[in-house]
Protein backbone atom coordinates (compact mmCIF):
# COMPACT_ATOMS: atom_id res chain seq x y z
CA MET A 1 150.72 -21.87 -171.24
CA TRP A 2 149.27 -22.84 -174.66
CA LEU A 3 149.66 -26.49 -173.68
CA TRP A 4 147.31 -26.00 -170.72
CA ILE A 5 144.76 -24.25 -172.93
CA ALA A 6 144.87 -27.13 -175.45
CA ILE A 7 144.49 -29.68 -172.63
CA GLY A 8 141.54 -27.74 -171.22
CA VAL A 9 139.79 -27.52 -174.60
CA CYS A 10 140.32 -31.24 -175.23
CA LEU A 11 138.99 -32.15 -171.80
CA LEU A 12 135.95 -29.94 -172.35
CA LEU A 13 135.20 -31.64 -175.67
CA VAL A 14 135.67 -35.14 -174.23
CA PHE A 15 133.53 -34.33 -171.20
CA SER A 16 130.71 -32.91 -173.32
CA LEU A 17 130.85 -35.97 -175.58
CA LEU A 18 130.58 -38.31 -172.58
CA VAL A 19 127.67 -36.36 -171.11
CA GLY A 20 125.91 -36.39 -174.49
CA MET A 21 126.33 -40.15 -174.84
CA ALA A 22 125.04 -40.76 -171.31
CA LEU A 23 122.01 -38.54 -171.96
CA ALA A 24 121.29 -40.34 -175.24
CA ARG A 25 121.43 -43.69 -173.47
CA VAL A 26 119.00 -42.59 -170.77
CA LEU A 27 116.56 -41.09 -173.28
CA GLY A 28 116.81 -44.21 -175.47
CA THR A 29 115.94 -46.43 -172.52
CA ILE A 30 112.96 -44.25 -171.63
CA GLY A 31 111.75 -44.32 -175.24
CA ARG A 32 112.00 -48.12 -175.43
CA GLU A 33 110.07 -48.57 -172.19
CA ILE A 34 107.30 -46.22 -173.31
CA SER A 35 106.94 -48.01 -176.65
CA GLU A 36 106.73 -51.35 -174.82
CA LEU A 37 103.89 -49.97 -172.70
CA TYR A 38 101.97 -48.98 -175.82
CA GLU A 39 102.54 -52.38 -177.43
CA THR A 40 101.25 -54.30 -174.40
CA GLU A 41 98.05 -52.28 -173.98
CA ASP A 42 94.81 -54.16 -174.58
CA TRP A 43 93.53 -51.54 -176.99
CA ALA A 44 96.54 -52.11 -179.19
CA LYS A 45 95.60 -55.79 -179.57
CA ALA A 46 91.94 -55.14 -180.40
CA PRO A 47 90.90 -56.01 -183.94
CA PRO A 48 90.28 -53.05 -186.24
CA THR A 49 86.83 -54.43 -187.18
CA ARG A 50 85.49 -53.21 -183.86
CA ALA A 51 85.81 -49.64 -185.06
CA LEU A 52 83.84 -50.45 -188.21
CA LYS A 53 81.10 -52.07 -186.14
CA ASP A 54 80.80 -48.97 -183.96
CA ALA A 55 80.66 -46.74 -187.02
CA ASN A 56 77.85 -48.80 -188.57
CA GLU A 57 75.82 -48.60 -185.37
CA GLY A 58 75.98 -44.80 -185.50
CA GLU A 59 74.47 -44.57 -189.00
CA PRO A 60 70.81 -45.33 -188.08
CA GLN A 61 70.92 -42.68 -185.38
CA GLU A 62 72.16 -40.15 -187.91
CA ALA A 63 69.37 -41.11 -190.33
CA GLU A 64 66.79 -40.71 -187.56
CA ARG A 65 68.14 -37.26 -186.75
CA LYS A 66 67.86 -36.22 -190.37
CA ARG A 67 64.27 -37.51 -190.55
CA GLY A 68 63.44 -35.61 -187.38
CA ARG A 69 64.80 -32.40 -188.87
CA LEU A 70 62.79 -32.91 -192.06
CA SER A 71 59.56 -33.57 -190.17
CA ARG A 72 60.07 -30.37 -188.17
CA LEU A 73 60.50 -28.38 -191.36
CA ARG A 74 57.20 -29.61 -192.86
């Protein structure tokens, strides 16, 4: 009887290990495919200077807003 219990426990452990490995493989494949999608996006290849250019264009508008507020206060 104890032999059957030991066999059952061993089979349970082996089965859970195999299921865990299969799940890890599937999730690893999904993760690799998602990271490849991010790497091939056009926005990922854009130069970082574009962001600086956009930020510099926003500064005159901010200065005009401040001037408008000051003129309303006078």
